[in-house]
Protein backbone atom coordinates (compact mmCIF):
# COMPACT_ATOMS: atom_id res chain seq x y z
CA MET A 1 2.87 51.67 -39.47
CA SER A 2 4.67 54.60 -38.04
CA SER A 3 6.66 57.15 -39.75
CA PRO A 4 10.67 56.93 -39.41
CA PRO A 5 12.54 58.79 -36.97
CA THR A 6 13.72 62.01 -37.54
CA PRO A 7 15.63 65.05 -35.60
CA SER A 8 12.18 66.84 -35.05
CA ASN A 9 10.24 63.54 -34.44
CA PRO A 10 12.38 61.23 -32.57
CA ALA A 11 9.57 58.74 -31.82
CA GLY A 12 8.46 58.16 -35.33
CA VAL A 13 4.90 59.63 -34.76
CA PRO A 14 2.82 59.76 -37.90
CA ASP A 15 2.84 62.87 -39.66
CA LEU A 16 -0.54 64.34 -41.05
CA ALA A 17 1.20 65.31 -44.11
CA PRO A 18 4.55 65.88 -45.38
CA GLY A 19 5.98 69.18 -43.58
CA THR A 20 2.96 69.20 -41.20
CA VAL A 21 3.47 69.26 -37.42
CA ILE A 22 0.74 68.72 -34.61
CA ARG A 23 1.19 71.27 -31.90
CA SER A 24 -1.63 72.93 -29.47
CA THR A 25 -2.36 70.14 -27.48
CA THR A 26 -1.70 66.80 -25.35
CA VAL A 27 -4.02 63.64 -25.54
CA LEU A 28 -3.11 60.61 -23.87
CA CYS A 29 -4.87 56.98 -23.41
CA VAL A 30 -4.42 54.30 -20.79
CA ARG A 31 -5.58 50.92 -20.17
CA ARG A 32 -5.35 49.21 -16.73
CA ASP A 33 -7.15 46.78 -14.52
CA GLY A 34 -10.23 46.59 -16.54
CA ARG A 35 -10.46 50.25 -16.89
CA VAL A 36 -9.36 52.56 -20.09
CA ALA A 37 -9.22 56.42 -19.63
CA LEU A 38 -8.63 59.14 -22.48
CA GLY A 39 -7.64 62.63 -21.43
CA ALA A 40 -6.42 65.95 -23.07
CA ASP A 41 -5.56 69.31 -21.96
CA GLY A 42 -7.50 72.42 -22.69
CA GLN A 43 -4.76 74.64 -24.45
CA VAL A 44 -5.83 76.32 -27.90
CA SER A 45 -2.96 77.93 -29.73
CA MET A 46 -2.77 80.11 -32.74
CA GLY A 47 0.98 80.05 -33.53
CA ASN A 48 2.49 81.50 -30.12
CA THR A 49 -0.64 82.97 -28.77
CA ILE A 50 -3.18 81.30 -26.54
CA VAL A 51 -6.50 81.74 -27.35
CA LYS A 52 -8.41 79.50 -24.87
CA GLY A 53 -7.71 77.29 -22.27
CA SER A 54 -10.59 75.21 -21.48
CA ALA A 55 -11.21 73.31 -24.86
CA SER A 56 -12.76 69.79 -24.75
CA LYS A 57 -10.78 67.37 -27.24
CA VAL A 58 -11.91 64.20 -25.87
CA ARG A 59 -15.42 62.68 -26.68
CA ALA A 60 -17.75 59.78 -25.93
CA LEU A 61 -19.15 58.13 -29.28
CA ALA A 62 -21.51 55.28 -30.02
CA ARG A 63 -23.61 56.07 -26.80
CA GLY A 64 -20.73 55.74 -24.62
CA LYS A 65 -19.21 52.74 -25.80
CA ILE A 66 -16.06 54.40 -27.55
CA LEU A 67 -14.05 57.15 -26.55
CA ALA A 68 -11.88 59.40 -29.07
CA GLY A 69 -9.62 62.39 -28.68
CA PHE A 70 -7.83 64.48 -31.34
CA ALA A 71 -4.96 66.66 -31.75
CA GLY A 72 -4.83 69.15 -34.45
CA SER A 73 -7.77 71.43 -35.99
CA ALA A 74 -10.79 71.14 -33.81
CA ALA A 75 -13.20 71.37 -36.62
CA ASP A 76 -11.28 68.56 -38.49
CA GLY A 77 -11.23 66.48 -35.29
CA LEU A 78 -14.75 66.75 -34.68
CA THR A 79 -15.39 65.87 -38.40
CA LEU A 80 -13.16 62.75 -38.05
CA CYS A 81 -15.30 61.82 -34.86
CA GLU A 82 -18.74 61.90 -36.74
CA LEU A 83 -17.34 60.02 -39.55
CA LEU A 84 -16.21 57.04 -37.24
CA GLU A 85 -19.73 57.13 -35.68
CA ALA A 86 -21.04 56.71 -39.44
CA LYS A 87 -18.39 54.02 -40.11
CA LEU A 88 -19.31 52.25 -36.88
CA GLU A 89 -23.19 52.31 -37.90
CA ALA A 90 -22.21 51.21 -41.49
CA VAL A 91 -20.25 47.98 -40.40
CA GLY A 92 -22.74 47.22 -37.58
CA GLY A 93 -20.75 48.23 -34.64
CA ASN A 94 -16.99 46.43 -35.60
CA PHE A 95 -14.60 48.71 -33.93
CA THR A 96 -11.78 47.56 -35.66
CA ARG A 97 -13.34 47.56 -38.91
CA ALA A 98 -14.66 50.81 -38.68
CA CYS A 99 -11.19 52.24 -37.60
CA VAL A 100 -9.80 50.47 -40.94
CA GLU A 101 -12.30 51.88 -43.14
CA LEU A 102 -12.35 55.59 -41.43
CA ALA A 103 -8.12 55.37 -42.19
CA LYS A 104 -8.53 54.36 -45.65
CA ASP A 105 -11.22 56.97 -46.44
CA TRP A 106 -9.31 59.63 -44.59
CA ARG A 107 -5.97 58.66 -46.63
CA LEU A 108 -7.66 58.05 -50.19
CA ASP A 109 -10.93 60.43 -50.42
CA ARG A 110 -10.10 63.72 -51.51
CA ARG A 111 -12.92 65.12 -49.45
CA TYR A 112 -11.04 63.71 -46.12
CA ARG A 113 -7.61 64.24 -47.38
CA ARG A 114 -6.56 67.37 -45.96
CA LEU A 115 -8.29 66.80 -42.43
CA GLU A 116 -5.44 68.11 -40.21
CA ALA A 117 -5.70 66.02 -36.97
CA LEU A 118 -4.55 62.97 -35.32
CA LEU A 119 -7.17 60.75 -33.42
CA ILE A 120 -6.98 58.07 -30.71
CA VAL A 121 -10.08 56.11 -30.15
CA ALA A 122 -10.68 53.22 -27.74
CA ASP A 123 -13.43 51.00 -27.03
CA LYS A 124 -13.62 47.94 -24.17
CA ASP A 125 -10.79 45.83 -26.26
CA ARG A 126 -8.40 47.95 -28.23
CA SER A 127 -6.84 51.47 -27.99
CA LEU A 128 -5.83 52.87 -31.46
CA LEU A 129 -4.23 55.57 -33.39
CA LEU A 130 -5.42 56.90 -36.75
CA SER A 131 -3.63 59.19 -39.04
CA GLY A 132 -4.59 60.50 -42.37
CA THR A 133 -1.39 58.82 -43.85
CA GLY A 134 -3.68 55.24 -43.18
CA ASP A 135 -1.92 54.16 -40.02
CA VAL A 136 -4.15 52.38 -37.76
CA ILE A 137 -1.75 51.33 -34.78
CA GLU A 138 -2.70 49.60 -31.83
CA ALA A 139 -1.04 50.39 -28.21
CA GLU A 140 1.26 47.75 -27.23
CA ASP A 141 1.34 48.39 -23.57
CA GLY A 142 -2.08 50.11 -23.31
CA ILE A 143 -0.81 53.84 -23.51
CA LEU A 144 -1.23 55.90 -26.71
CA ALA A 145 -0.19 59.74 -26.57
CA ILE A 146 -0.50 62.28 -29.43
CA GLY A 147 0.17 66.13 -29.65
CA SER A 148 2.98 68.53 -28.84
CA GLY A 149 3.12 67.20 -25.23
CA GLY A 150 2.60 63.49 -26.31
CA ASN A 151 5.99 62.21 -25.71
CA TYR A 152 6.22 63.80 -22.27
CA ALA A 153 3.02 62.44 -21.39
CA LEU A 154 3.66 59.11 -22.79
CA ALA A 155 7.11 58.51 -21.05
CA ALA A 156 5.59 59.90 -17.62
CA ALA A 157 2.59 57.30 -17.86
CA ARG A 158 5.03 54.51 -18.91
CA ALA A 159 7.32 55.19 -16.06
CA LEU A 160 4.34 55.19 -13.50
CA LEU A 161 2.51 52.14 -14.75
CA ARG A 162 5.93 50.05 -14.28
CA HIS A 163 6.50 51.76 -10.87
CA SER A 164 3.19 52.35 -8.99
CA GLU A 165 -0.26 51.45 -8.23
CA MET A 166 -2.16 54.20 -10.09
CA ASP A 167 -5.24 53.34 -12.01
CA ALA A 168 -6.00 54.40 -15.50
CA ARG A 169 -7.54 57.60 -14.72
CA GLY A 170 -4.57 58.90 -12.26
CA LEU A 171 -1.99 57.80 -14.61
CA VAL A 172 -3.76 59.84 -17.41
CA GLU A 173 -4.29 62.89 -14.95
CA ALA A 174 -0.26 62.38 -14.03
CA GLY A 175 1.04 62.07 -17.59
CA LEU A 176 -0.95 65.38 -18.51
CA GLN A 177 0.28 67.15 -15.61
CA VAL A 178 3.93 66.16 -16.54
CA ALA A 179 3.11 67.19 -20.01
CA GLY A 180 1.85 70.67 -19.15
CA GLU A 181 4.83 71.47 -16.91
CA ILE A 182 7.24 70.67 -20.15
CA CYS A 183 5.05 71.65 -23.30
CA VAL A 184 4.16 75.29 -23.55
CA PHE A 185 1.36 74.49 -26.10
CA THR A 186 -0.22 72.13 -22.92
CA ASN A 187 -2.01 73.51 -20.20
CA HIS A 188 -3.17 71.85 -16.70
CA SER A 189 -7.02 72.11 -17.66
CA ALA A 190 -7.59 68.62 -18.39
CA THR A 191 -10.47 66.55 -19.28
CA VAL A 192 -10.64 63.02 -18.86
CA LEU A 193 -13.35 60.32 -19.85
CA GLU A 194 -13.30 56.74 -18.91
CA LEU A 195 -15.04 53.24 -19.89
CA GLU A 196 -14.94 49.77 -18.52
CA ALA A 197 -12.41 47.68 -20.51
CA ASN A 198 -11.80 43.77 -20.76
CA PRO A 199 -9.14 42.82 -18.69
């Protein structure tokens, strides 16, 4: 369930916690024609200062069967990826169940409640957005985006999905390029991962 739209968050993207604003990155996931691609830019910002331009915010998990990308604190995002892998092992590899269990713990467990990140994860069948407020949101059109430039990347990818024949990877690269041209917390140093998806 998404958060209600506000003037500062017109798309109703889930908040990490009251008053928390995700900045410093753009993560975009696109599913098309039997492929799923997940990419992120490489900029790391502290306040209004760029401290790194080539960070990797996407990971392959579960021996390459799952892709994950995070926006927010790097340490918290990596911790969430590790927790998801542990959940996958605990539930016998059931992707959706592992994501729901992670979202539950993230919201209710005191140890994880303050993890400041948003997560997009995808397997061959589903793409999901996970948040610390317990959200587990599946993409309706095969596209998900998070981060400071997420809405720009999402709009670009949707338009290109409807009006071009670009593949999943091309749509992610183009969406991140557009976000990097608009969002000051997003650069053009993108990392994109792919896996085969069910049509």
